[in-house]
């Protein structure tokens, strides 16, 4: 009498057992990518749009090109702490 371990024939793990770790890895990579985008400033426009919708309902937001011009100009005139 053998115990049923849930393994597929040939000793391989069932497909469902592989999906869980892969899904966690994908989620962690996605989260890491979003963190990296936040650190580099790539999410600045998305964050601006979220803030604008919350605090200025009914007022049109800047377009993306206009926003990036403002963002770069603001960084040049108010450098704060940065590496370069």
PDB file of N, CA and C in Angstrom:
ATOM      1  N   UNK A   1       0.849  -1.170   0.000  1.00  0.00           N
ATOM      2  CA  UNK A   1       0.000   0.000   0.000  1.00  0.00           C
ATOM      3  C   UNK A   1       0.899   1.240   0.000  1.00  0.00           C
ATOM      4  N   UNK A   2       0.663   2.187  -0.915  1.00  0.00           N
ATOM      5  CA  UNK A   2       1.483   3.392  -0.996  1.00  0.00           C
ATOM      6  C   UNK A   2       0.657   4.600  -0.607  1.00  0.00           C
ATOM      7  N   UNK A   3       1.303   5.572  -0.022  1.00  0.00           N
ATOM      8  CA  UNK A   3       0.620   6.807   0.373  1.00  0.00           C
ATOM      9  C   UNK A   3       0.532   7.721  -0.841  1.00  0.00           C
ATOM     10  N   UNK A   4      -0.595   8.401  -0.980  1.00  0.00           N
ATOM     11  CA  UNK A   4      -0.774   9.348  -2.093  1.00  0.00           C
ATOM     12  C   UNK A   4      -0.158  10.686  -1.698  1.00  0.00           C
ATOM     13  N   UNK A   5       0.933  11.041  -2.361  1.00  0.00           N
ATOM     14  CA  UNK A   5       1.629  12.289  -2.026  1.00  0.00           C
ATOM     15  C   UNK A   5       1.152  13.457  -2.874  1.00  0.00           C
ATOM     16  N   UNK A   6       0.319  13.192  -3.854  1.00  0.00           N
ATOM     17  CA  UNK A   6      -0.162  14.262  -4.705  1.00  0.00           C
ATOM     18  C   UNK A   6       0.785  14.582  -5.839  1.00  0.00           C
ATOM     19  N   UNK A   7       1.864  13.845  -5.941  1.00  0.00           N
ATOM     20  CA  UNK A   7       2.830  14.089  -7.007  1.00  0.00           C
ATOM     21  C   UNK A   7       2.303  13.514  -8.309  1.00  0.00           C
ATOM     22  N   UNK A   8       2.673  14.117  -9.385  1.00  0.00           N
ATOM     23  CA  UNK A   8       2.291  13.641 -10.705  1.00  0.00           C
ATOM     24  C   UNK A   8       3.104  12.396 -11.018  1.00  0.00           C
ATOM     25  N   UNK A   9       2.664  11.617 -12.015  1.00  0.00           N
ATOM     26  CA  UNK A   9       3.433  10.427 -12.394  1.00  0.00           C
ATOM     27  C   UNK A   9       4.871  10.804 -12.736  1.00  0.00           C
ATOM     28  N   UNK A  10       5.791   9.962 -12.377  1.00  0.00           N
ATOM     29  CA  UNK A  10       7.201  10.212 -12.649  1.00  0.00           C
ATOM     30  C   UNK A  10       7.871  11.023 -11.563  1.00  0.00           C
ATOM     31  N   UNK A  11       7.175  11.299 -10.451  1.00  0.00           N
ATOM     32  CA  UNK A  11       7.764  12.027  -9.340  1.00  0.00           C
ATOM     33  C   UNK A  11       7.771  13.547  -9.489  1.00  0.00           C
ATOM     34  N   UNK A  12       7.158  14.070 -10.538  1.00  0.00           N
ATOM     35  CA  UNK A  12       7.124  15.528 -10.722  1.00  0.00           C
ATOM     36  C   UNK A  12       6.014  16.148  -9.879  1.00  0.00           C
ATOM     37  N   UNK A  13       6.181  17.405  -9.523  1.00  0.00           N
ATOM     38  CA  UNK A  13       5.167  18.115  -8.748  1.00  0.00           C
ATOM     39  C   UNK A  13       3.994  18.446  -9.660  1.00  0.00           C
ATOM     40  N   UNK A  14       2.775  18.441  -9.128  1.00  0.00           N
ATOM     41  CA  UNK A  14       1.623  18.805  -9.955  1.00  0.00           C
ATOM     42  C   UNK A  14       1.713  20.273 -10.378  1.00  0.00           C
ATOM     43  N   UNK A  15       1.074  20.589 -11.492  1.00  0.00           N
ATOM     44  CA  UNK A  15       1.137  21.927 -12.061  1.00  0.00           C
ATOM     45  C   UNK A  15       0.650  22.989 -11.069  1.00  0.00           C
ATOM     46  N   UNK A  16      -0.369  22.694 -10.300  1.00  0.00           N
ATOM     47  CA  UNK A  16      -0.894  23.650  -9.323  1.00  0.00           C
ATOM     48  C   UNK A  16       0.133  24.029  -8.272  1.00  0.00           C
ATOM     49  N   UNK A  17       0.982  23.074  -7.906  1.00  0.00           N
ATOM     50  CA  UNK A  17       2.018  23.346  -6.900  1.00  0.00           C
ATOM     51  C   UNK A  17       3.076  24.296  -7.447  1.00  0.00           C
ATOM     52  N   UNK A  18       3.277  24.312  -8.754  1.00  0.00           N
ATOM     53  CA  UNK A  18       4.251  25.223  -9.358  1.00  0.00           C
ATOM     54  C   UNK A  18       3.679  26.618  -9.560  1.00  0.00           C
ATOM     55  N   UNK A  19       2.387  26.712  -9.761  1.00  0.00           N
ATOM     56  CA  UNK A  19       1.764  28.013 -10.033  1.00  0.00           C
ATOM     57  C   UNK A  19       1.830  28.941  -8.834  1.00  0.00           C
ATOM     58  N   UNK A  20       1.667  28.407  -7.638  1.00  0.00           N
ATOM     59  CA  UNK A  20       1.672  29.257  -6.442  1.00  0.00           C
ATOM     60  C   UNK A  20       3.001  29.987  -6.263  1.00  0.00           C
ATOM     61  N   UNK A  21       4.130  29.277  -6.277  1.00  0.00           N
ATOM     62  CA  UNK A  21       5.405  30.005  -6.115  1.00  0.00           C
ATOM     63  C   UNK A  21       5.670  30.965  -7.279  1.00  0.00           C
ATOM     64  N   UNK A  22       5.326  30.566  -8.506  1.00  0.00           N
ATOM     65  CA  UNK A  22       5.537  31.448  -9.654  1.00  0.00           C
ATOM     66  C   UNK A  22       4.691  32.709  -9.535  1.00  0.00           C
ATOM     67  N   UNK A  23       3.490  32.561  -9.051  1.00  0.00           N
ATOM     68  CA  UNK A  23       2.617  33.725  -8.884  1.00  0.00           C
ATOM     69  C   UNK A  23       3.186  34.666  -7.820  1.00  0.00           C
ATOM     70  N   UNK A  24       3.754  34.108  -6.747  1.00  0.00           N
ATOM     71  CA  UNK A  24       4.371  34.948  -5.716  1.00  0.00           C
ATOM     72  C   UNK A  24       5.610  35.651  -6.256  1.00  0.00           C
ATOM     73  N   UNK A  25       6.381  34.957  -7.059  1.00  0.00           N
ATOM     74  CA  UNK A  25       7.577  35.557  -7.652  1.00  0.00           C
ATOM     75  C   UNK A  25       7.178  36.704  -8.578  1.00  0.00           C
ATOM     76  N   UNK A  26       6.165  36.475  -9.416  1.00  0.00           N
ATOM     77  CA  UNK A  26       5.687  37.536 -10.321  1.00  0.00           C
ATOM     78  C   UNK A  26       5.212  38.746  -9.538  1.00  0.00           C
ATOM     79  N   UNK A  27       4.463  38.513  -8.464  1.00  0.00           N
ATOM     80  CA  UNK A  27       3.952  39.622  -7.644  1.00  0.00           C
ATOM     81  C   UNK A  27       5.118  40.393  -7.016  1.00  0.00           C
ATOM     82  N   UNK A  28       6.123  39.684  -6.545  1.00  0.00           N
ATOM     83  CA  UNK A  28       7.282  40.351  -5.933  1.00  0.00           C
ATOM     84  C   UNK A  28       8.049  41.161  -6.977  1.00  0.00           C
ATOM     85  N   UNK A  29       8.209  40.612  -8.173  1.00  0.00           N
ATOM     86  CA  UNK A  29       8.893  41.349  -9.240  1.00  0.00           C
ATOM     87  C   UNK A  29       8.109  42.597  -9.638  1.00  0.00           C
ATOM     88  N   UNK A  30       6.784  42.454  -9.726  1.00  0.00           N
ATOM     89  CA  UNK A  30       5.927  43.607 -10.055  1.00  0.00           C
ATOM     90  C   UNK A  30       6.076  44.701  -9.003  1.00  0.00           C
ATOM     91  N   UNK A  31       6.059  44.299  -7.735  1.00  0.00           N
ATOM     92  CA  UNK A  31       6.205  45.253  -6.633  1.00  0.00           C
ATOM     93  C   UNK A  31       7.576  45.920  -6.680  1.00  0.00           C
ATOM     94  N   UNK A  32       8.611  45.134  -6.936  1.00  0.00           N
ATOM     95  CA  UNK A  32       9.960  45.693  -7.048  1.00  0.00           C
ATOM     96  C   UNK A  32      10.067  46.681  -8.197  1.00  0.00           C
ATOM     97  N   UNK A  33       9.418  46.373  -9.306  1.00  0.00           N
ATOM     98  CA  UNK A  33       9.428  47.266 -10.460  1.00  0.00           C
ATOM     99  C   UNK A  33       8.750  48.598 -10.109  1.00  0.00           C
ATOM    100  N   UNK A  34       7.624  48.534  -9.403  1.00  0.00           N
ATOM    101  CA  UNK A  34       6.929  49.760  -9.008  1.00  0.00           C
ATOM    102  C   UNK A  34       7.774  50.591  -8.045  1.00  0.00           C
ATOM    103  N   UNK A  35       8.481  49.939  -7.144  1.00  0.00           N
ATOM    104  CA  UNK A  35       9.365  50.654  -6.216  1.00  0.00           C
ATOM    105  C   UNK A  35      10.479  51.341  -6.995  1.00  0.00           C
ATOM    106  N   UNK A  36      11.066  50.621  -7.941  1.00  0.00           N
ATOM    107  CA  UNK A  36      12.137  51.207  -8.757  1.00  0.00           C
ATOM    108  C   UNK A  36      11.612  52.398  -9.552  1.00  0.00           C
ATOM    109  N   UNK A  37      10.407  52.286 -10.096  1.00  0.00           N
ATOM    110  CA  UNK A  37       9.814  53.399 -10.841  1.00  0.00           C
ATOM    111  C   UNK A  37       9.583  54.602  -9.933  1.00  0.00           C
ATOM    112  N   UNK A  38       9.201  54.347  -8.697  1.00  0.00           N
ATOM    113  CA  UNK A  38       8.996  55.435  -7.749  1.00  0.00           C
ATOM    114  C   UNK A  38      10.294  56.129  -7.376  1.00  0.00           C
ATOM    115  N   UNK A  39      11.354  55.355  -7.197  1.00  0.00           N
ATOM    116  CA  UNK A  39      12.650  55.919  -6.823  1.00  0.00           C
ATOM    117  C   UNK A  39      13.205  56.784  -7.945  1.00  0.00           C
ATOM    118  N   UNK A  40      13.044  56.354  -9.173  1.00  0.00           N
ATOM    119  CA  UNK A  40      13.588  57.098 -10.309  1.00  0.00           C
ATOM    120  C   UNK A  40      12.714  58.267 -10.732  1.00  0.00           C
ATOM    121  N   UNK A  41      11.522  58.384 -10.160  1.00  0.00           N
ATOM    122  CA  UNK A  41      10.633  59.491 -10.507  1.00  0.00           C
ATOM    123  C   UNK A  41       9.712  59.192 -11.676  1.00  0.00           C
ATOM    124  N   UNK A  42       9.769  57.988 -12.186  1.00  0.00           N
ATOM    125  CA  UNK A  42       8.971  57.624 -13.344  1.00  0.00           C
ATOM    126  C   UNK A  42       7.470  57.656 -13.052  1.00  0.00           C
ATOM    127  N   UNK A  43       7.090  57.465 -11.801  1.00  0.00           N
ATOM    128  CA  UNK A  43       5.670  57.457 -11.423  1.00  0.00           C
ATOM    129  C   UNK A  43       5.144  58.852 -11.078  1.00  0.00           C
ATOM    130  N   UNK A  44       5.968  59.867 -11.225  1.00  0.00           N
ATOM    131  CA  UNK A  44       5.583  61.214 -10.788  1.00  0.00           C
ATOM    132  C   UNK A  44       4.271  61.677 -11.427  1.00  0.00           C
ATOM    133  N   UNK A  45       4.086  61.441 -12.711  1.00  0.00           N
ATOM    134  CA  UNK A  45       2.853  61.892 -13.375  1.00  0.00           C
ATOM    135  C   UNK A  45       1.636  61.134 -12.852  1.00  0.00           C
ATOM    136  N   UNK A  46       1.773  59.821 -12.651  1.00  0.00           N
ATOM    137  CA  UNK A  46       0.670  59.030 -12.099  1.00  0.00           C
ATOM    138  C   UNK A  46       0.287  59.537 -10.713  1.00  0.00           C
ATOM    139  N   UNK A  47       1.300  59.828  -9.889  1.00  0.00           N
ATOM    140  CA  UNK A  47       1.055  60.323  -8.531  1.00  0.00           C
ATOM    141  C   UNK A  47       0.387  61.693  -8.589  1.00  0.00           C
ATOM    142  N   UNK A  48       0.849  62.543  -9.512  1.00  0.00           N
ATOM    143  CA  UNK A  48       0.241  63.865  -9.697  1.00  0.00           C
ATOM    144  C   UNK A  48      -1.235  63.724 -10.069  1.00  0.00           C
ATOM    145  N   UNK A  49      -1.551  62.837 -11.001  1.00  0.00           N
ATOM    146  CA  UNK A  49      -2.949  62.663 -11.415  1.00  0.00           C
ATOM    147  C   UNK A  49      -3.829  62.193 -10.254  1.00  0.00           C
ATOM    148  N   UNK A  50      -3.321  61.254  -9.450  1.00  0.00           N
ATOM    149  CA  UNK A  50      -4.080  60.778  -8.286  1.00  0.00           C
ATOM    150  C   UNK A  50      -4.330  61.929  -7.316  1.00  0.00           C
ATOM    151  N   UNK A  51      -3.294  62.698  -7.031  1.00  0.00           N
ATOM    152  CA  UNK A  51      -3.415  63.841  -6.126  1.00  0.00           C
ATOM    153  C   UNK A  51      -4.400  64.869  -6.701  1.00  0.00           C
ATOM    154  N   UNK A  52      -4.282  65.165  -7.977  1.00  0.00           N
ATOM    155  CA  UNK A  52      -5.128  66.176  -8.612  1.00  0.00           C
ATOM    156  C   UNK A  52      -6.602  65.763  -8.568  1.00  0.00           C
ATOM    157  N   UNK A  53      -6.893  64.496  -8.837  1.00  0.00           N
ATOM    158  CA  UNK A  53      -8.283  64.018  -8.783  1.00  0.00           C
ATOM    159  C   UNK A  53      -8.862  64.167  -7.380  1.00  0.00           C
ATOM    160  N   UNK A  54      -8.036  63.887  -6.354  1.00  0.00           N
ATOM    161  CA  UNK A  54      -8.521  63.977  -4.970  1.00  0.00           C
ATOM    162  C   UNK A  54      -8.723  65.410  -4.521  1.00  0.00           C
ATOM    163  N   UNK A  55      -7.786  66.285  -4.847  1.00  0.00           N
ATOM    164  CA  UNK A  55      -7.805  67.633  -4.271  1.00  0.00           C
ATOM    165  C   UNK A  55      -8.426  68.694  -5.162  1.00  0.00           C
ATOM    166  N   UNK A  56      -8.547  68.428  -6.457  1.00  0.00           N
ATOM    167  CA  UNK A  56      -9.106  69.427  -7.380  1.00  0.00           C
ATOM    168  C   UNK A  56     -10.142  68.788  -8.303  1.00  0.00           C
ATOM    169  N   UNK A  57     -11.220  68.240  -7.755  1.00  0.00           N
ATOM    170  CA  UNK A  57     -12.217  67.593  -8.624  1.00  0.00           C
ATOM    171  C   UNK A  57     -12.844  68.623  -9.569  1.00  0.00           C
ATOM    172  N   UNK A  58     -13.057  68.206 -10.787  1.00  0.00           N
ATOM    173  CA  UNK A  58     -13.694  69.074 -11.767  1.00  0.00           C
ATOM    174  C   UNK A  58     -12.745  70.024 -12.483  1.00  0.00           C
ATOM    175  N   UNK A  59     -11.506  70.123 -12.034  1.00  0.00           N
ATOM    176  CA  UNK A  59     -10.518  70.992 -12.676  1.00  0.00           C
ATOM    177  C   UNK A  59      -9.638  70.121 -13.572  1.00  0.00           C
ATOM    178  N   UNK A  60      -9.473  70.477 -14.838  1.00  0.00           N
ATOM    179  CA  UNK A  60      -8.641  69.641 -15.714  1.00  0.00           C
ATOM    180  C   UNK A  60      -7.184  69.598 -15.244  1.00  0.00           C
ATOM    181  N   UNK A  61      -6.605  68.438 -15.300  1.00  0.00           N
ATOM    182  CA  UNK A  61      -5.201  68.253 -14.911  1.00  0.00           C
ATOM    183  C   UNK A  61      -4.296  68.645 -16.078  1.00  0.00           C
ATOM    184  N   UNK A  62      -3.032  68.915 -15.767  1.00  0.00           N
ATOM    185  CA  UNK A  62      -2.056  69.197 -16.819  1.00  0.00           C
ATOM    186  C   UNK A  62      -1.897  67.952 -17.694  1.00  0.00           C
ATOM    187  N   UNK A  63      -1.613  68.175 -18.954  1.00  0.00           N
ATOM    188  CA  UNK A  63      -1.277  67.056 -19.829  1.00  0.00           C
ATOM    189  C   UNK A  63       0.077  66.514 -19.428  1.00  0.00           C
ATOM    190  N   UNK A  64       0.412  65.332 -19.902  1.00  0.00           N
ATOM    191  CA  UNK A  64       1.661  64.698 -19.477  1.00  0.00           C
ATOM    192  C   UNK A  64       2.878  65.521 -19.908  1.00  0.00           C
ATOM    193  N   UNK A  65       2.873  66.022 -21.133  1.00  0.00           N
ATOM    194  CA  UNK A  65       4.023  66.811 -21.607  1.00  0.00           C
ATOM    195  C   UNK A  65       4.186  68.080 -20.767  1.00  0.00           C
ATOM    196  N   UNK A  66       3.084  68.767 -20.509  1.00  0.00           N
ATOM    197  CA  UNK A  66       3.128  69.988 -19.691  1.00  0.00           C
ATOM    198  C   UNK A  66       3.616  69.676 -18.282  1.00  0.00           C
ATOM    199  N   UNK A  67       3.129  68.551 -17.730  1.00  0.00           N
ATOM    200  CA  UNK A  67       3.556  68.157 -16.392  1.00  0.00           C
ATOM    201  C   UNK A  67       5.066  67.949 -16.332  1.00  0.00           C
ATOM    202  N   UNK A  68       5.637  67.209 -17.296  1.00  0.00           N
ATOM    203  CA  UNK A  68       7.068  66.912 -17.248  1.00  0.00           C
ATOM    204  C   UNK A  68       7.902  68.174 -17.410  1.00  0.00           C
ATOM    205  N   UNK A  69       7.417  69.129 -18.224  1.00  0.00           N
ATOM    206  CA  UNK A  69       8.137  70.408 -18.321  1.00  0.00           C
ATOM    207  C   UNK A  69       8.154  71.099 -16.961  1.00  0.00           C
ATOM    208  N   UNK A  70       6.995  71.154 -16.303  1.00  0.00           N
ATOM    209  CA  UNK A  70       6.884  71.778 -14.983  1.00  0.00           C
ATOM    210  C   UNK A  70       7.767  71.043 -13.975  1.00  0.00           C
ATOM    211  N   UNK A  71       7.736  69.724 -14.015  1.00  0.00           N
ATOM    212  CA  UNK A  71       8.477  68.883 -13.065  1.00  0.00           C
ATOM    213  C   UNK A  71       9.981  69.122 -13.180  1.00  0.00           C
ATOM    214  N   UNK A  72      10.490  69.144 -14.408  1.00  0.00           N
ATOM    215  CA  UNK A  72      11.927  69.365 -14.620  1.00  0.00           C
ATOM    216  C   UNK A  72      12.310  70.789 -14.229  1.00  0.00           C
ATOM    217  N   UNK A  73      11.499  71.782 -14.628  1.00  0.00           N
ATOM    218  CA  UNK A  73      11.783  73.171 -14.263  1.00  0.00           C
ATOM    219  C   UNK A  73      11.782  73.345 -12.751  1.00  0.00           C
ATOM    220  N   UNK A  74      10.824  72.729 -12.085  1.00  0.00           N
ATOM    221  CA  UNK A  74      10.739  72.815 -10.625  1.00  0.00           C
ATOM    222  C   UNK A  74      11.975  72.198  -9.985  1.00  0.00           C
ATOM    223  N   UNK A  75      12.449  71.075 -10.524  1.00  0.00           N
ATOM    224  CA  UNK A  75      13.654  70.433  -9.994  1.00  0.00           C
ATOM    225  C   UNK A  75      14.889  71.296 -10.179  1.00  0.00           C
ATOM    226  N   UNK A  76      14.913  72.056 -11.276  1.00  0.00           N
ATOM    227  CA  UNK A  76      16.059  72.940 -11.522  1.00  0.00           C
ATOM    228  C   UNK A  76      16.047  74.160 -10.616  1.00  0.00           C
ATOM    229  N   UNK A  77      14.864  74.715 -10.351  1.00  0.00           N
ATOM    230  CA  UNK A  77      14.786  75.939  -9.531  1.00  0.00           C
ATOM    231  C   UNK A  77      14.732  75.643  -8.037  1.00  0.00           C
ATOM    232  N   UNK A  78      14.296  74.438  -7.650  1.00  0.00           N
ATOM    233  CA  UNK A  78      14.219  74.019  -6.236  1.00  0.00           C
ATOM    234  C   UNK A  78      14.914  72.667  -6.100  1.00  0.00           C
ATOM    235  N   UNK A  79      16.243  72.634  -6.178  1.00  0.00           N
ATOM    236  CA  UNK A  79      16.942  71.356  -6.228  1.00  0.00           C
ATOM    237  C   UNK A  79      16.789  70.466  -5.001  1.00  0.00           C
ATOM    238  N   UNK A  80      16.672  71.006  -3.807  1.00  0.00           N
ATOM    239  CA  UNK A  80      16.571  70.153  -2.619  1.00  0.00           C
ATOM    240  C   UNK A  80      17.786  69.258  -2.497  1.00  0.00           C
ATOM    241  N   UNK A  81      17.591  68.083  -1.950  1.00  0.00           N
ATOM    242  CA  UNK A  81      18.718  67.161  -1.833  1.00  0.00           C
ATOM    243  C   UNK A  81      18.597  66.129  -2.942  1.00  0.00           C
ATOM    244  N   UNK A  82      19.618  66.042  -3.732  1.00  0.00           N
ATOM    245  CA  UNK A  82      19.680  65.048  -4.799  1.00  0.00           C
ATOM    246  C   UNK A  82      21.138  64.794  -5.141  1.00  0.00           C
ATOM    247  N   UNK A  83      21.372  63.785  -5.905  1.00  0.00           N
ATOM    248  CA  UNK A  83      22.754  63.401  -6.165  1.00  0.00           C
ATOM    249  C   UNK A  83      23.424  64.256  -7.235  1.00  0.00           C
ATOM    250  N   UNK A  84      22.671  64.822  -8.181  1.00  0.00           N
ATOM    251  CA  UNK A  84      23.309  65.550  -9.277  1.00  0.00           C
ATOM    252  C   UNK A  84      22.690  66.923  -9.484  1.00  0.00           C
TER     253      UNK A  84
END
